[in-house]
PDB file of N, CA and C in Angstrom:
ATOM      1  N   MET A   1     173.228  13.305  67.188  1.00  0.00           N
ATOM      2  CA  MET A   1     172.605  13.435  68.491  1.00  0.00           C
ATOM      3  C   MET A   1     171.802  14.730  68.588  1.00  0.00           C
ATOM      4  N   ARG A   2     172.368  15.795  68.055  1.00  0.00           N
ATOM      5  CA  ARG A   2     171.685  17.082  68.099  1.00  0.00           C
ATOM      6  C   ARG A   2     170.416  17.052  67.239  1.00  0.00           C
ATOM      7  N   LEU A   3     170.507  16.424  66.068  1.00  0.00           N
ATOM      8  CA  LEU A   3     169.351  16.305  65.182  1.00  0.00           C
ATOM      9  C   LEU A   3     168.265  15.450  65.834  1.00  0.00           C
ATOM     10  N   ARG A   4     168.669  14.400  66.473  1.00  0.00           N
ATOM     11  CA  ARG A   4     167.719  13.513  67.149  1.00  0.00           C
ATOM     12  C   ARG A   4     166.982  14.266  68.264  1.00  0.00           C
ATOM     13  N   SER A   5     167.694  15.055  69.024  1.00  0.00           N
ATOM     14  CA  SER A   5     167.078  15.848  70.091  1.00  0.00           C
ATOM     15  C   SER A   5     166.106  16.869  69.517  1.00  0.00           C
ATOM     16  N   LEU A   6     166.483  17.489  68.417  1.00  0.00           N
ATOM     17  CA  LEU A   6     165.624  18.470  67.773  1.00  0.00           C
ATOM     18  C   LEU A   6     164.346  17.817  67.254  1.00  0.00           C
ATOM     19  N   LEU A   7     164.464  16.670  66.610  1.00  0.00           N
ATOM     20  CA  LEU A   7     163.288  15.958  66.104  1.00  0.00           C
ATOM     21  C   LEU A   7     162.374  15.517  67.244  1.00  0.00           C
ATOM     22  N   THR A   8     162.957  15.052  68.323  1.00  0.00           N
ATOM     23  CA  THR A   8     162.162  14.652  69.485  1.00  0.00           C
ATOM     24  C   THR A   8     161.398  15.841  70.045  1.00  0.00           C
ATOM     25  N   LEU A   9     162.046  16.972  70.154  1.00  0.00           N
ATOM     26  CA  LEU A   9     161.402  18.180  70.656  1.00  0.00           C
ATOM     27  C   LEU A   9     160.258  18.621  69.742  1.00  0.00           C
ATOM     28  N   ILE A  10     160.471  18.560  68.447  1.00  0.00           N
ATOM     29  CA  ILE A  10     159.424  18.942  67.487  1.00  0.00           C
ATOM     30  C   ILE A  10     158.230  18.009  67.596  1.00  0.00           C
ATOM     31  N   LEU A  11     158.476  16.712  67.676  1.00  0.00           N
ATOM     32  CA  LEU A  11     157.378  15.750  67.795  1.00  0.00           C
ATOM     33  C   LEU A  11     156.606  15.929  69.098  1.00  0.00           C
ATOM     34  N   LEU A  12     157.301  16.180  70.178  1.00  0.00           N
ATOM     35  CA  LEU A  12     156.623  16.400  71.455  1.00  0.00           C
ATOM     36  C   LEU A  12     155.791  17.673  71.440  1.00  0.00           C
ATOM     37  N   ALA A  13     156.277  18.695  70.786  1.00  0.00           N
ATOM     38  CA  ALA A  13     155.552  19.960  70.712  1.00  0.00           C
ATOM     39  C   ALA A  13     154.357  19.872  69.767  1.00  0.00           C
ATOM     40  N   ALA A  14     154.498  19.132  68.679  1.00  0.00           N
ATOM     41  CA  ALA A  14     153.442  19.051  67.671  1.00  0.00           C
ATOM     42  C   ALA A  14     152.468  17.915  67.932  1.00  0.00           C
ATOM     43  N   GLY A  15     152.819  16.981  68.773  1.00  0.00           N
ATOM     44  CA  GLY A  15     152.000  15.796  69.020  1.00  0.00           C
ATOM     45  C   GLY A  15     150.559  16.080  69.390  1.00  0.00           C
ATOM     46  N   PRO A  16     150.306  16.930  70.380  1.00  0.00           N
ATOM     47  CA  PRO A  16     148.917  17.187  70.770  1.00  0.00           C
ATOM     48  C   PRO A  16     148.069  17.795  69.655  1.00  0.00           C
ATOM     49  N   GLN A  17     148.676  18.540  68.742  1.00  0.00           N
ATOM     50  CA  GLN A  17     147.919  19.121  67.641  1.00  0.00           C
ATOM     51  C   GLN A  17     147.639  18.095  66.542  1.00  0.00           C
ATOM     52  N   LEU A  18     148.448  17.060  66.452  1.00  0.00           N
ATOM     53  CA  LEU A  18     148.302  16.081  65.384  1.00  0.00           C
ATOM     54  C   LEU A  18     147.339  14.954  65.730  1.00  0.00           C
ATOM     55  N   VAL A  19     147.130  14.699  67.002  1.00  0.00           N
ATOM     56  CA  VAL A  19     146.336  13.553  67.437  1.00  0.00           C
ATOM     57  C   VAL A  19     145.086  14.038  68.154  1.00  0.00           C
ATOM     58  N   ARG A  20     143.956  13.502  67.752  1.00  0.00           N
ATOM     59  CA  ARG A  20     142.697  13.825  68.420  1.00  0.00           C
ATOM     60  C   ARG A  20     142.008  12.518  68.780  1.00  0.00           C
ATOM     61  N   ALA A  21     141.638  12.394  70.031  1.00  0.00           N
ATOM     62  CA  ALA A  21     141.010  11.167  70.501  1.00  0.00           C
ATOM     63  C   ALA A  21     139.526  11.130  70.168  1.00  0.00           C
ATOM     64  N   GLN A  22     138.913  12.291  69.997  1.00  0.00           N
ATOM     65  CA  GLN A  22     137.494  12.327  69.696  1.00  0.00           C
ATOM     66  C   GLN A  22     137.193  13.537  68.828  1.00  0.00           C
ATOM     67  N   SER A  23     136.079  13.455  68.142  1.00  0.00           N
ATOM     68  CA  SER A  23     135.686  14.557  67.268  1.00  0.00           C
ATOM     69  C   SER A  23     134.983  15.646  68.079  1.00  0.00           C
ATOM     70  N   HIS A  24     134.733  16.758  67.433  1.00  0.00           N
ATOM     71  CA  HIS A  24     134.016  17.861  68.084  1.00  0.00           C
ATOM     72  C   HIS A  24     132.606  17.414  68.472  1.00  0.00           C
ATOM     73  N   ASP A  25     131.955  16.623  67.604  1.00  0.00           N
ATOM     74  CA  ASP A  25     130.615  16.113  67.907  1.00  0.00           C
ATOM     75  C   ASP A  25     130.631  15.197  69.127  1.00  0.00           C
ATOM     76  N   ASP A  26     131.679  14.377  69.256  1.00  0.00           N
ATOM     77  CA  ASP A  26     131.816  13.525  70.437  1.00  0.00           C
ATOM     78  C   ASP A  26     131.922  14.376  71.699  1.00  0.00           C
ATOM     79  N   SER A  27     132.723  15.412  71.634  1.00  0.00           N
ATOM     80  CA  SER A  27     132.889  16.301  72.789  1.00  0.00           C
ATOM     81  C   SER A  27     131.568  16.965  73.167  1.00  0.00           C
ATOM     82  N   LEU A  28     130.807  17.404  72.177  1.00  0.00           N
ATOM     83  CA  LEU A  28     129.505  18.012  72.453  1.00  0.00           C
ATOM     84  C   LEU A  28     128.538  17.002  73.058  1.00  0.00           C
ATOM     85  N   GLY A  29     128.564  15.768  72.573  1.00  0.00           N
ATOM     86  CA  GLY A  29     127.704  14.724  73.123  1.00  0.00           C
ATOM     87  C   GLY A  29     128.015  14.437  74.579  1.00  0.00           C
ATOM     88  N   ILE A  30     129.292  14.377  74.909  1.00  0.00           N
ATOM     89  CA  ILE A  30     129.707  14.148  76.295  1.00  0.00           C
ATOM     90  C   ILE A  30     129.267  15.315  77.173  1.00  0.00           C
ATOM     91  N   ARG A  31     129.467  16.520  76.673  1.00  0.00           N
ATOM     92  CA  ARG A  31     129.080  17.715  77.439  1.00  0.00           C
ATOM     93  C   ARG A  31     127.573  17.735  77.675  1.00  0.00           C
ATOM     94  N   ASN A  32     126.792  17.442  76.633  1.00  0.00           N
ATOM     95  CA  ASN A  32     125.336  17.446  76.767  1.00  0.00           C
ATOM     96  C   ASN A  32     124.854  16.366  77.729  1.00  0.00           C
ATOM     97  N   ALA A  33     125.468  15.188  77.679  1.00  0.00           N
ATOM     98  CA  ALA A  33     125.090  14.114  78.605  1.00  0.00           C
ATOM     99  C   ALA A  33     125.376  14.521  80.047  1.00  0.00           C
ATOM    100  N   ALA A  34     126.517  15.146  80.278  1.00  0.00           N
ATOM    101  CA  ALA A  34     126.860  15.593  81.634  1.00  0.00           C
ATOM    102  C   ALA A  34     125.886  16.669  82.113  1.00  0.00           C
ATOM    103  N   LEU A  35     125.550  17.611  81.241  1.00  0.00           N
ATOM    104  CA  LEU A  35     124.605  18.663  81.625  1.00  0.00           C
ATOM    105  C   LEU A  35     123.212  18.099  81.876  1.00  0.00           C
ATOM    106  N   ASP A  36     122.767  17.140  81.054  1.00  0.00           N
ATOM    107  CA  ASP A  36     121.472  16.494  81.277  1.00  0.00           C
ATOM    108  C   ASP A  36     121.451  15.769  82.618  1.00  0.00           C
ATOM    109  N   TYR A  37     122.533  15.081  82.943  1.00  0.00           N
ATOM    110  CA  TYR A  37     122.615  14.358  84.210  1.00  0.00           C
ATOM    111  C   TYR A  37     122.530  15.330  85.390  1.00  0.00           C
ATOM    112  N   ILE A  38     123.334  16.380  85.349  1.00  0.00           N
ATOM    113  CA  ILE A  38     123.369  17.338  86.466  1.00  0.00           C
ATOM    114  C   ILE A  38     122.031  18.064  86.611  1.00  0.00           C
ATOM    115  N   ALA A  39     121.510  18.578  85.515  1.00  0.00           N
ATOM    116  CA  ALA A  39     120.247  19.313  85.572  1.00  0.00           C
ATOM    117  C   ALA A  39     119.095  18.390  85.954  1.00  0.00           C
ATOM    118  N   GLY A  40     119.085  17.170  85.427  1.00  0.00           N
ATOM    119  CA  GLY A  40     118.041  16.210  85.771  1.00  0.00           C
ATOM    120  C   GLY A  40     118.076  15.816  87.230  1.00  0.00           C
ATOM    121  N   TRP A  41     119.262  15.661  87.779  1.00  0.00           N
ATOM    122  CA  TRP A  41     119.406  15.281  89.192  1.00  0.00           C
ATOM    123  C   TRP A  41     118.874  16.388  90.105  1.00  0.00           C
ATOM    124  N   TYR A  42     119.303  17.623  89.862  1.00  0.00           N
ATOM    125  CA  TYR A  42     118.940  18.718  90.755  1.00  0.00           C
ATOM    126  C   TYR A  42     117.507  19.206  90.573  1.00  0.00           C
ATOM    127  N   SER A  43     116.902  18.936  89.429  1.00  0.00           N
ATOM    128  CA  SER A  43     115.511  19.342  89.225  1.00  0.00           C
ATOM    129  C   SER A  43     114.547  18.165  89.343  1.00  0.00           C
ATOM    130  N   ALA A  44     115.064  16.978  89.665  1.00  0.00           N
ATOM    131  CA  ALA A  44     114.256  15.751  89.793  1.00  0.00           C
ATOM    132  C   ALA A  44     113.475  15.474  88.510  1.00  0.00           C
ATOM    133  N   ASP A  45     114.113  15.693  87.381  1.00  0.00           N
ATOM    134  CA  ASP A  45     113.509  15.469  86.066  1.00  0.00           C
ATOM    135  C   ASP A  45     113.960  14.107  85.539  1.00  0.00           C
ATOM    136  N   GLY A  46     113.105  13.108  85.697  1.00  0.00           N
ATOM    137  CA  GLY A  46     113.447  11.747  85.300  1.00  0.00           C
ATOM    138  C   GLY A  46     113.703  11.594  83.814  1.00  0.00           C
ATOM    139  N   ASP A  47     112.958  12.324  82.997  1.00  0.00           N
ATOM    140  CA  ASP A  47     113.155  12.231  81.549  1.00  0.00           C
ATOM    141  C   ASP A  47     114.532  12.749  81.142  1.00  0.00           C
ATOM    142  N   ARG A  48     114.949  13.822  81.774  1.00  0.00           N
ATOM    143  CA  ARG A  48     116.271  14.378  81.442  1.00  0.00           C
ATOM    144  C   ARG A  48     117.382  13.448  81.922  1.00  0.00           C
ATOM    145  N   MET A  49     117.195  12.821  83.082  1.00  0.00           N
ATOM    146  CA  MET A  49     118.175  11.845  83.579  1.00  0.00           C
ATOM    147  C   MET A  49     118.255  10.654  82.626  1.00  0.00           C
ATOM    148  N   ALA A  50     117.108  10.216  82.125  1.00  0.00           N
ATOM    149  CA  ALA A  50     117.082   9.074  81.212  1.00  0.00           C
ATOM    150  C   ALA A  50     117.858   9.369  79.935  1.00  0.00           C
ATOM    151  N   GLU A  51     117.858  10.626  79.500  1.00  0.00           N
ATOM    152  CA  GLU A  51     118.632  11.006  78.316  1.00  0.00           C
ATOM    153  C   GLU A  51     120.129  10.840  78.547  1.00  0.00           C
ATOM    154  N   ALA A  52     120.560  11.035  79.790  1.00  0.00           N
ATOM    155  CA  ALA A  52     121.991  11.030  80.100  1.00  0.00           C
ATOM    156  C   ALA A  52     122.526   9.653  80.473  1.00  0.00           C
ATOM    157  N   LEU A  53     121.664   8.748  80.925  1.00  0.00           N
ATOM    158  CA  LEU A  53     122.123   7.467  81.461  1.00  0.00           C
ATOM    159  C   LEU A  53     121.930   6.325  80.477  1.00  0.00           C
ATOM    160  N   HIS A  54     122.875   5.433  80.444  1.00  0.00           N
ATOM    161  CA  HIS A  54     122.756   4.214  79.650  1.00  0.00           C
ATOM    162  C   HIS A  54     121.788   3.276  80.361  1.00  0.00           C
ATOM    163  N   PRO A  55     120.939   2.564  79.631  1.00  0.00           N
ATOM    164  CA  PRO A  55     119.957   1.678  80.270  1.00  0.00           C
ATOM    165  C   PRO A  55     120.587   0.592  81.149  1.00  0.00           C
ATOM    166  N   GLU A  56     121.799   0.196  80.858  1.00  0.00           N
ATOM    167  CA  GLU A  56     122.453  -0.862  81.628  1.00  0.00           C
ATOM    168  C   GLU A  56     123.440  -0.313  82.656  1.00  0.00           C
ATOM    169  N   LEU A  57     123.256   0.945  83.046  1.00  0.00           N
ATOM    170  CA  LEU A  57     124.128   1.556  84.044  1.00  0.00           C
ATOM    171  C   LEU A  57     124.097   0.745  85.336  1.00  0.00           C
ATOM    172  N   ALA A  58     125.245   0.533  85.936  1.00  0.00           N
ATOM    173  CA  ALA A  58     125.348  -0.123  87.243  1.00  0.00           C
ATOM    174  C   ALA A  58     126.142   0.794  88.162  1.00  0.00           C
ATOM    175  N   LYS A  59     125.461   1.377  89.131  1.00  0.00           N
ATOM    176  CA  LYS A  59     126.114   2.268  90.091  1.00  0.00           C
ATOM    177  C   LYS A  59     126.181   1.525  91.422  1.00  0.00           C
ATOM    178  N   ARG A  60     127.362   1.463  91.982  1.00  0.00           N
ATOM    179  CA  ARG A  60     127.555   0.737  93.232  1.00  0.00           C
ATOM    180  C   ARG A  60     128.155   1.656  94.286  1.00  0.00           C
ATOM    181  N   ILE A  61     127.739   1.438  95.537  1.00  0.00           N
ATOM    182  CA  ILE A  61     128.276   2.207  96.653  1.00  0.00           C
ATOM    183  C   ILE A  61     128.413   1.282  97.851  1.00  0.00           C
ATOM    184  N   MET A  62     129.461   1.490  98.614  1.00  0.00           N
ATOM    185  CA  MET A  62     129.689   0.673  99.801  1.00  0.00           C
ATOM    186  C   MET A  62     129.155   1.414 101.023  1.00  0.00           C
ATOM    187  N   TYR A  63     128.312   0.738 101.780  1.00  0.00           N
ATOM    188  CA  TYR A  63     127.727   1.290 102.995  1.00  0.00           C
ATOM    189  C   TYR A  63     128.314   0.589 104.214  1.00  0.00           C
ATOM    190  N   SER A  64     128.336   1.282 105.337  1.00  0.00           N
ATOM    191  CA  SER A  64     128.652   0.638 106.611  1.00  0.00           C
ATOM    192  C   SER A  64     127.824   1.312 107.699  1.00  0.00           C
ATOM    193  N   ASP A  65     127.379   0.505 108.661  1.00  0.00           N
ATOM    194  CA  ASP A  65     126.578   1.053 109.750  1.00  0.00           C
ATOM    195  C   ASP A  65     127.450   1.315 110.977  1.00  0.00           C
ATOM    196  N   THR A  66     126.812   1.731 112.056  1.00  0.00           N
ATOM    197  CA  THR A  66     127.563   2.074 113.270  1.00  0.00           C
ATOM    198  C   THR A  66     128.204   0.863 113.927  1.00  0.00           C
ATOM    199  N   LEU A  67     127.721  -0.343 113.620  1.00  0.00           N
ATOM    200  CA  LEU A  67     128.299  -1.565 114.187  1.00  0.00           C
ATOM    201  C   LEU A  67     129.485  -2.074 113.379  1.00  0.00           C
ATOM    202  N   GLY A  68     129.756  -1.435 112.253  1.00  0.00           N
ATOM    203  CA  GLY A  68     130.879  -1.848 111.418  1.00  0.00           C
ATOM    204  C   GLY A  68     130.513  -2.836 110.328  1.00  0.00           C
ATOM    205  N   ASN A  69     129.232  -3.171 110.207  1.00  0.00           N
ATOM    206  CA  ASN A  69     128.791  -4.062 109.131  1.00  0.00           C
ATOM    207  C   ASN A  69     128.813  -3.297 107.811  1.00  0.00           C
ATOM    208  N   ALA A  70     129.366  -3.913 106.799  1.00  0.00           N
ATOM    209  CA  ALA A  70     129.483  -3.250 105.496  1.00  0.00           C
ATOM    210  C   ALA A  70     128.768  -4.067 104.432  1.00  0.00           C
ATOM    211  N   TRP A  71     128.208  -3.393 103.467  1.00  0.00           N
ATOM    212  CA  TRP A  71     127.593  -4.050 102.328  1.00  0.00           C
ATOM    213  C   TRP A  71     127.657  -3.125 101.124  1.00  0.00           C
ATOM    214  N   ILE A  72     127.387  -3.711  99.970  1.00  0.00           N
ATOM    215  CA  ILE A  72     127.430  -2.954  98.716  1.00  0.00           C
ATOM    216  C   ILE A  72     126.006  -2.772  98.217  1.00  0.00           C
ATOM    217  N   GLY A  73     125.648  -1.539  97.922  1.00  0.00           N
ATOM    218  CA  GLY A  73     124.348  -1.235  97.353  1.00  0.00           C
ATOM    219  C   GLY A  73     124.470  -1.071  95.844  1.00  0.00           C
ATOM    220  N   ASN A  74     123.455  -1.525  95.123  1.00  0.00           N
ATOM    221  CA  ASN A  74     123.432  -1.436  93.662  1.00  0.00           C
ATOM    222  C   ASN A  74     122.275  -0.558  93.216  1.00  0.00           C
ATOM    223  N   MET A  75     122.511   0.237  92.204  1.00  0.00           N
ATOM    224  CA  MET A  75     121.467   1.036  91.570  1.00  0.00           C
ATOM    225  C   MET A  75     121.620   0.921  90.066  1.00  0.00           C
ATOM    226  N   GLY A  76     120.512   0.860  89.379  1.00  0.00           N
ATOM    227  CA  GLY A  76     120.530   0.876  87.928  1.00  0.00           C
ATOM    228  C   GLY A  76     120.056   2.221  87.410  1.00  0.00           C
ATOM    229  N   GLY A  77     120.065   2.382  86.114  1.00  0.00           N
ATOM    230  CA  GLY A  77     119.657   3.640  85.512  1.00  0.00           C
ATOM    231  C   GLY A  77     118.220   4.014  85.814  1.00  0.00           C
ATOM    232  N   THR A  78     117.325   3.031  85.948  1.00  0.00           N
ATOM    233  CA  THR A  78     115.924   3.335  86.220  1.00  0.00           C
ATOM    234  C   THR A  78     115.706   3.807  87.651  1.00  0.00           C
ATOM    235  N   GLU A  79     116.589   3.437  88.568  1.00  0.00           N
ATOM    236  CA  GLU A  79     116.445   3.849  89.966  1.00  0.00           C
ATOM    237  C   GLU A  79     116.987   5.254  90.217  1.00  0.00           C
ATOM    238  N   LEU A  80     117.878   5.700  89.365  1.00  0.00           N
ATOM    239  CA  LEU A  80     118.428   7.034  89.547  1.00  0.00           C
ATOM    240  C   LEU A  80     117.440   8.061  89.053  1.00  0.00           C
TER     241      LEU A  80
END
């Protein structure tokens, strides 16, 4: 029982160092896409936004007016 507890503790402590979900290049790509999106949005730079967005992006938002009518709006990557 004591050995089992010790092994469990070692695996839990070492687990995050042994497993990587993505490579360093993947992390840089995600970071660059996020920065392109943010900078493109705030500077109204369509080319920079296009670098960050997938062509088949589907962005949806739910709207409601003062009368309580609700609907869903759709936007694609070209509209952003």
